[in-house]
Amino acid sequence: MTEAEAGFVEAIPLPAVMIRRDERIEAANGPALDLLGQAIRGRHFITALRQPGLLDAIETCLRDGSPRAADYLTNDGRQDTTYRVTVRAVTLESGRGVLVCFEDVTPMEQIGQMRRDFVANVSHELRTPLTALIGFIETLKGPARDDPVGQARFLSIMESEAARMNRLIGDLLSLSRVEADERVRPTTRIDPAEIARSTLHGLRPIAEEAGVKLDLSVPATPVTIPGDEDQLRQVLTNLLENAIKYSGRGATVTVALNAVEYEPRVRGRGVRLTVSDTGPGIDQIHLPRLTERFYRVDSHRSREMGGTGLGLAIVKHIVNRHRGRLRVDSELGKGTTFTVILPAT
């Protein structure tokens, strides 16, 4: 291989391998050596690549010069990685060869899997109440036709299931709107303390019914930040509703707002909005996944209490839109604290 040919392979930013007509690896750039091994030069390509779909693509391209594509799957010890591999014929000083380039498409594969999981989860969440409604309607038309007591009970359950579907659809629409606006940063100056006061006032009857005490701590000096008032109210509402539902009777839920002159996570002045409860806490294994769509720590209890599994996902997207950070701290038996860090400038 000439110096120019070797330099060409090295200049390719993707992992790239040049294979001669005699099926030996003529050259490989640094990323390819990191991916396939440092000693692949001069070896037969079959011993270095080993995956049938890619081997067939290379053999076909060597034989007739037609471009081919294949997938190459590997694992770095932490996660599976998928490469989309392009195989193209090239003319070398020694004759025809092929250039094999590896493009990491793992993020696109993950997005595709997330979409499939999302559709499957939505279908499952809607199928359950729909199945219940269909079953009760059949019962009301048949065995319970002349049973007023049974009719009242079934209609009550049907009302509950319909409300559950309505909440789910409402949260899906909220999530869609938040995602649509996520790249547009709010510029209107708002008062987070006033949002906290009004939200607590609105949820106090629910807290009293659940036997939960609500406390509020805000600074005496007014604080303003750039934000979307409705969305930040939704963040606080979702966090407070979760705390009230799951902390248990006799617990205390505290909302605190603090201004910070320098907040490292937003690299400047900021505010910290915390929602803390004295409930049972959350096991550490669940914390990294709390903001995933439809992820529930206790699926049965969440559904019984009307949860859709989307509340914290909505919170995460709203915080992202405000260029903020969301942190969760919890200890079993000692409660949970959600901290929303927002820039003040």
Protein backbone atom coordinates (compact mmCIF):
# COMPACT_ATOMS: atom_id res chain seq x y z
CA MET A 1 0.00 0.00 0.00
CA THR A 2 1.27 3.41 -0.89
CA GLU A 3 1.77 6.18 1.65
CA ALA A 4 -1.13 8.10 0.07
CA GLU A 5 -3.47 5.12 0.42
CA ALA A 6 -2.48 4.63 4.06
CA GLY A 7 -2.96 8.33 4.74
CA PHE A 8 -6.40 8.20 3.14
CA VAL A 9 -7.54 5.43 5.52
CA GLU A 10 -6.13 7.27 8.53
CA ALA A 11 -7.97 10.45 7.53
CA ILE A 12 -11.39 8.78 7.71
CA PRO A 13 -13.02 9.82 11.03
CA LEU A 14 -14.93 6.54 11.35
CA PRO A 15 -13.37 3.13 12.03
CA ALA A 16 -12.16 2.07 8.55
CA VAL A 17 -10.46 -1.02 7.15
CA MET A 18 -8.94 -1.53 3.68
CA ILE A 19 -9.04 -5.11 2.35
CA ARG A 20 -6.99 -6.31 -0.64
CA ARG A 21 -8.26 -8.57 -3.41
CA ASP A 22 -6.45 -11.50 -1.74
CA GLU A 23 -8.80 -10.92 1.24
CA ARG A 24 -6.06 -9.70 3.58
CA ILE A 25 -6.45 -6.53 5.64
CA GLU A 26 -4.09 -4.03 4.04
CA ALA A 27 -4.69 -1.09 6.40
CA ALA A 28 -6.78 0.00 9.37
CA ASN A 29 -6.99 3.38 11.06
CA GLY A 30 -6.75 4.01 14.79
CA PRO A 31 -10.50 3.78 15.56
CA ALA A 32 -10.69 0.47 13.64
CA LEU A 33 -7.78 -0.95 15.63
CA ASP A 34 -9.49 0.07 18.86
CA LEU A 35 -12.70 -1.61 17.70
CA LEU A 36 -11.36 -4.79 16.09
CA GLY A 37 -7.97 -5.32 17.73
CA GLN A 38 -4.44 -3.96 17.33
CA ALA A 39 -3.09 -6.96 15.38
CA ILE A 40 -5.55 -7.19 12.48
CA ARG A 41 -3.26 -5.83 9.74
CA GLY A 42 -2.18 -8.57 7.36
CA ARG A 43 -4.78 -11.06 8.64
CA HIS A 44 -7.58 -12.58 6.59
CA PHE A 45 -10.68 -10.43 7.10
CA ILE A 46 -12.74 -13.45 8.21
CA THR A 47 -10.57 -13.89 11.30
CA ALA A 48 -11.03 -10.24 12.30
CA LEU A 49 -14.72 -9.66 11.61
CA ARG A 50 -16.44 -13.03 12.08
CA GLN A 51 -20.07 -11.90 11.59
CA PRO A 52 -21.82 -13.68 8.66
CA GLY A 53 -23.81 -10.73 7.30
CA LEU A 54 -20.73 -8.51 7.09
CA LEU A 55 -18.56 -11.29 5.67
CA ASP A 56 -21.10 -11.90 2.88
CA ALA A 57 -21.18 -8.17 2.06
CA ILE A 58 -17.38 -7.99 1.80
CA GLU A 59 -17.10 -11.15 -0.31
CA THR A 60 -19.81 -9.92 -2.71
CA CYS A 61 -18.17 -6.52 -3.08
CA LEU A 62 -14.76 -8.11 -3.72
CA ARG A 63 -16.32 -10.36 -6.36
CA ASP A 64 -18.41 -7.90 -8.39
CA GLY A 65 -17.59 -4.43 -7.04
CA SER A 66 -21.18 -3.63 -6.04
CA PRO A 67 -21.66 -1.56 -2.87
CA ARG A 68 -23.03 -3.36 0.15
CA ALA A 69 -24.15 -2.58 3.69
CA ALA A 70 -24.47 -4.70 6.81
CA ASP A 71 -24.71 -4.44 10.59
CA TYR A 72 -21.89 -5.22 13.00
CA LEU A 73 -22.83 -5.92 16.63
CA THR A 74 -20.43 -5.78 19.54
CA ASN A 75 -20.34 -5.13 23.28
CA ASP A 76 -17.98 -2.88 25.21
CA GLY A 77 -18.66 -4.59 28.53
CA ARG A 78 -21.39 -2.12 29.51
CA GLN A 79 -23.86 -2.12 26.65
CA ASP A 80 -24.48 -3.56 23.19
CA THR A 81 -23.21 -1.39 20.33
CA THR A 82 -24.59 -1.47 16.79
CA TYR A 83 -22.53 -0.32 13.79
CA ARG A 84 -23.94 0.26 10.32
CA VAL A 85 -21.16 -0.91 8.02
CA THR A 86 -20.72 0.29 4.43
CA VAL A 87 -18.62 -1.73 2.01
CA ARG A 88 -17.37 0.01 -1.15
CA ALA A 89 -15.02 -1.10 -3.93
CA VAL A 90 -11.78 0.89 -4.30
CA THR A 91 -8.88 0.70 -6.68
CA LEU A 92 -5.53 0.11 -5.00
CA GLU A 93 -2.07 0.09 -6.50
CA SER A 94 -2.14 -3.70 -6.06
CA GLY A 95 -5.57 -4.04 -7.73
CA ARG A 96 -9.18 -3.91 -6.64
CA GLY A 97 -9.96 -3.86 -2.94
CA VAL A 98 -12.76 -2.79 -0.62
CA LEU A 99 -13.06 -0.05 1.95
CA VAL A 100 -15.09 -1.01 5.02
CA CYS A 101 -16.37 1.82 7.28
CA PHE A 102 -18.16 1.40 10.62
CA GLU A 103 -20.72 4.01 11.77
CA ASP A 104 -22.00 3.77 15.36
CA VAL A 105 -25.81 3.88 15.13
CA THR A 106 -26.46 2.76 18.72
CA PRO A 107 -28.24 6.02 19.71
CA MET A 108 -30.64 5.67 16.76
CA GLU A 109 -31.29 2.03 17.65
CA GLN A 110 -31.99 3.05 21.24
CA ILE A 111 -34.41 5.76 20.11
CA GLY A 112 -36.19 3.24 17.91
CA GLN A 113 -36.46 0.83 20.83
CA MET A 114 -37.77 3.61 23.08
CA ARG A 115 -40.48 4.40 20.53
CA ARG A 116 -41.48 0.75 20.30
CA ASP A 117 -41.55 0.45 24.09
CA PHE A 118 -43.59 3.65 24.34
CA VAL A 119 -46.23 2.40 21.89
CA ALA A 120 -46.36 -0.96 23.69
CA ASN A 121 -46.75 0.73 27.09
CA VAL A 122 -49.48 3.11 25.90
CA SER A 123 -51.34 0.20 24.30
CA HIS A 124 -51.09 -1.80 27.53
CA GLU A 125 -52.19 1.11 29.72
CA LEU A 126 -55.25 1.75 27.54
CA ARG A 127 -56.12 -1.90 26.95
CA THR A 128 -56.62 -2.66 30.66
CA PRO A 129 -59.38 -0.07 31.38
CA LEU A 130 -60.94 -0.62 27.94
CA THR A 131 -61.19 -4.37 28.60
CA ALA A 132 -62.79 -3.63 31.96
CA LEU A 133 -65.30 -1.24 30.40
CA ILE A 134 -66.26 -3.71 27.68
CA GLY A 135 -66.71 -6.47 30.26
CA PHE A 136 -68.92 -4.36 32.51
CA ILE A 137 -71.02 -3.14 29.59
CA GLU A 138 -71.68 -6.76 28.59
CA THR A 139 -72.59 -7.56 32.19
CA LEU A 140 -74.98 -4.60 32.43
CA LYS A 141 -76.67 -5.68 29.19
CA GLY A 142 -76.95 -9.29 30.41
CA PRO A 143 -76.81 -10.73 33.95
CA ALA A 144 -77.04 -7.33 35.73
CA ARG A 145 -79.86 -5.98 33.58
CA ASP A 146 -82.37 -6.23 36.44
CA ASP A 147 -79.95 -5.78 39.34
CA PRO A 148 -79.95 -2.13 40.53
CA VAL A 149 -77.33 -2.76 43.23
CA GLY A 150 -74.98 -4.47 40.79
CA GLN A 151 -75.59 -1.76 38.20
CA ALA A 152 -74.60 0.97 40.65
CA ARG A 153 -71.41 -0.90 41.59
CA PHE A 154 -70.44 -1.61 37.98
CA LEU A 155 -71.16 1.97 36.88
CA SER A 156 -68.94 3.26 39.68
CA ILE A 157 -66.07 1.05 38.50
CA MET A 158 -66.66 2.06 34.89
CA GLU A 159 -66.52 5.72 35.90
CA SER A 160 -63.19 5.08 37.65
CA GLU A 161 -61.72 3.27 34.61
CA ALA A 162 -62.89 6.01 32.24
CA ALA A 163 -61.33 8.65 34.49
CA ARG A 164 -58.09 6.65 34.44
CA MET A 165 -58.05 6.68 30.63
CA ASN A 166 -58.82 10.40 30.65
CA ARG A 167 -55.86 11.08 32.99
CA LEU A 168 -53.56 9.00 30.80
CA ILE A 169 -54.60 10.82 27.63
CA GLY A 170 -54.22 14.17 29.40
CA ASP A 171 -50.70 13.30 30.52
CA LEU A 172 -49.80 12.06 27.02
CA LEU A 173 -50.97 15.36 25.55
CA SER A 174 -49.02 17.30 28.21
CA LEU A 175 -45.89 15.28 27.47
CA SER A 176 -46.30 15.91 23.74
CA ARG A 177 -46.66 19.67 24.26
CA VAL A 178 -43.65 19.80 26.58
CA GLU A 179 -41.47 17.87 24.13
CA ALA A 180 -42.55 20.17 21.28
CA ASP A 181 -41.41 23.24 23.25
CA GLU A 182 -38.31 21.70 24.84
CA ARG A 183 -35.84 23.50 22.58
CA VAL A 184 -37.46 26.91 23.17
CA ARG A 185 -36.15 28.46 26.39
CA PRO A 186 -38.68 30.59 28.33
CA THR A 187 -37.81 34.29 28.69
CA THR A 188 -40.70 35.69 30.79
CA ARG A 189 -39.66 36.60 34.36
CA ILE A 190 -41.80 34.84 36.96
CA ASP A 191 -41.96 34.57 40.75
CA PRO A 192 -41.43 30.91 41.81
CA ALA A 193 -42.42 31.71 45.41
CA GLU A 194 -45.89 32.80 44.30
CA ILE A 195 -46.24 29.64 42.20
CA ALA A 196 -45.31 27.56 45.26
CA ARG A 197 -47.84 29.37 47.48
CA SER A 198 -50.75 29.04 45.04
CA THR A 199 -49.97 25.39 44.25
CA LEU A 200 -49.85 24.45 47.94
CA HIS A 201 -53.10 26.30 48.53
CA GLY A 202 -54.79 24.34 45.74
CA LEU A 203 -53.54 20.95 46.97
CA ARG A 204 -54.10 21.51 50.69
CA PRO A 205 -57.60 19.89 50.70
CA ILE A 206 -56.18 16.76 49.07
CA ALA A 207 -53.35 16.66 51.62
CA GLU A 208 -55.79 17.07 54.53
CA GLU A 209 -57.93 14.23 53.23
CA ALA A 210 -54.80 12.03 52.99
CA GLY A 211 -53.67 13.02 56.50
CA VAL A 212 -50.52 14.72 55.21
CA LYS A 213 -49.19 18.04 56.55
CA LEU A 214 -47.92 20.63 54.05
CA ASP A 215 -45.18 23.14 54.94
CA LEU A 216 -43.76 25.97 52.85
CA SER A 217 -40.47 27.85 53.18
CA VAL A 218 -39.70 30.74 50.79
CA PRO A 219 -37.19 33.61 51.06
CA ALA A 220 -38.35 36.98 52.39
CA THR A 221 -36.66 38.76 49.47
CA PRO A 222 -38.55 38.34 46.17
CA VAL A 223 -36.84 36.14 43.58
CA THR A 224 -37.57 36.06 39.85
CA ILE A 225 -36.38 33.63 37.19
CA PRO A 226 -37.03 33.16 33.46
CA GLY A 227 -39.70 30.51 33.11
CA ASP A 228 -43.05 29.26 31.91
CA GLU A 229 -45.46 29.77 34.81
CA ASP A 230 -47.92 27.06 33.77
CA GLN A 231 -45.19 24.47 33.24
CA LEU A 232 -43.42 25.19 36.54
CA ARG A 233 -46.78 24.98 38.29
CA GLN A 234 -47.22 21.58 36.66
CA VAL A 235 -43.76 20.50 37.91
CA LEU A 236 -44.62 21.44 41.47
CA THR A 237 -48.12 19.92 41.23
CA ASN A 238 -46.76 16.58 39.97
CA LEU A 239 -44.08 16.42 42.67
CA LEU A 240 -46.49 17.41 45.44
CA GLU A 241 -49.21 14.98 44.32
CA ASN A 242 -46.68 12.13 44.32
CA ALA A 243 -45.44 13.11 47.78
CA ILE A 244 -48.99 13.30 49.17
CA LYS A 245 -50.03 9.97 47.60
CA TYR A 246 -47.04 7.89 48.61
CA SER A 247 -45.71 9.40 51.85
CA GLY A 248 -48.59 7.99 53.91
CA ARG A 249 -50.90 9.31 56.62
CA GLY A 250 -49.16 11.35 59.29
CA ALA A 251 -46.27 12.37 57.02
CA THR A 252 -45.07 15.91 56.39
CA VAL A 253 -44.34 17.31 52.92
CA THR A 254 -42.17 20.41 52.79
CA VAL A 255 -41.70 22.75 49.82
CA ALA A 256 -38.65 25.00 50.11
CA LEU A 257 -37.35 27.67 47.76
CA ASN A 258 -33.80 28.98 48.09
CA ALA A 259 -31.86 31.50 45.98
CA VAL A 260 -28.22 30.59 45.30
CA GLU A 261 -25.63 33.17 44.23
CA TYR A 262 -23.62 30.54 42.36
CA GLU A 263 -25.09 27.19 41.45
CA PRO A 264 -22.45 24.91 39.83
CA ARG A 265 -25.05 22.85 37.96
CA VAL A 266 -26.32 25.88 36.05
CA ARG A 267 -23.01 27.78 36.18
CA GLY A 268 -24.40 30.95 37.66
CA ARG A 269 -27.12 32.35 39.87
CA GLY A 270 -29.99 29.99 40.42
CA VAL A 271 -32.81 28.81 42.63
CA ARG A 272 -33.38 25.47 44.30
CA LEU A 273 -36.93 24.23 44.64
CA THR A 274 -37.16 21.16 46.87
CA VAL A 275 -40.11 18.91 47.66
CA SER A 276 -39.30 16.69 50.65
CA ASP A 277 -41.44 14.13 52.43
CA THR A 278 -41.08 12.01 55.55
CA GLY A 279 -42.53 8.94 53.85
CA PRO A 280 -41.13 5.42 53.48
CA GLY A 281 -38.50 6.42 50.92
CA ILE A 282 -37.49 4.76 47.65
CA ASP A 283 -34.96 1.97 47.20
CA GLN A 284 -31.75 3.19 45.53
CA ILE A 285 -32.12 0.75 42.63
CA HIS A 286 -35.19 2.65 41.41
CA LEU A 287 -33.78 6.19 41.49
CA PRO A 288 -31.99 6.19 38.07
CA ARG A 289 -35.20 5.12 36.32
CA LEU A 290 -37.81 7.25 38.07
CA THR A 291 -38.18 9.71 35.16
CA GLU A 292 -38.64 7.00 32.52
CA ARG A 293 -42.06 6.94 30.91
CA PHE A 294 -44.40 4.45 32.58
CA TYR A 295 -41.75 3.36 35.10
CA ARG A 296 -43.34 2.71 38.49
CA VAL A 297 -41.73 1.67 41.77
CA ASP A 298 -44.96 -0.12 42.74
CA SER A 299 -47.12 -0.62 39.65
CA HIS A 300 -50.19 -1.97 41.45
CA ARG A 301 -50.24 0.77 44.11
CA SER A 302 -49.60 3.49 41.52
CA ARG A 303 -52.56 2.39 39.37
CA GLU A 304 -54.82 2.12 42.41
CA MET A 305 -53.99 5.73 43.30
CA GLY A 306 -54.62 6.97 39.76
CA GLY A 307 -51.01 7.30 38.64
CA THR A 308 -50.26 7.18 34.92
CA GLY A 309 -46.49 6.65 35.15
CA LEU A 310 -45.86 9.84 33.16
CA GLY A 311 -45.73 12.54 35.84
CA LEU A 312 -41.98 12.48 36.47
CA ALA A 313 -41.24 12.18 32.75
CA ILE A 314 -43.18 15.42 32.26
CA VAL A 315 -41.23 17.01 35.13
CA LYS A 316 -37.91 16.01 33.55
CA HIS A 317 -38.79 17.50 30.15
CA ILE A 318 -40.03 20.76 31.68
CA VAL A 319 -36.85 21.11 33.75
CA ASN A 320 -34.77 20.41 30.63
CA ARG A 321 -36.66 23.11 28.75
CA HIS A 322 -35.74 25.58 31.52
CA ARG A 323 -32.07 24.48 31.23
CA GLY A 324 -32.29 23.22 34.78
CA ARG A 325 -31.40 20.03 36.65
CA LEU A 326 -33.48 17.48 38.53
CA ARG A 327 -32.03 15.53 41.46
CA VAL A 328 -33.60 12.79 43.58
CA ASP A 329 -32.34 11.77 47.02
CA SER A 330 -34.02 9.08 49.06
CA GLU A 331 -33.38 6.72 51.94
CA LEU A 332 -35.64 3.89 52.98
CA GLY A 333 -37.53 4.78 56.13
CA LYS A 334 -36.45 8.43 56.02
CA GLY A 335 -38.25 9.94 53.05
CA THR A 336 -37.52 11.38 49.62
CA THR A 337 -36.38 14.76 48.34
CA PHE A 338 -36.81 16.02 44.78
CA THR A 339 -34.63 19.03 43.99
CA VAL A 340 -35.29 21.19 40.94
CA ILE A 341 -32.37 23.53 40.15
CA LEU A 342 -33.22 26.40 37.80
CA PRO A 343 -31.07 29.24 36.42
CA ALA A 344 -32.00 32.73 37.62
CA THR A 345 -30.59 34.48 34.56
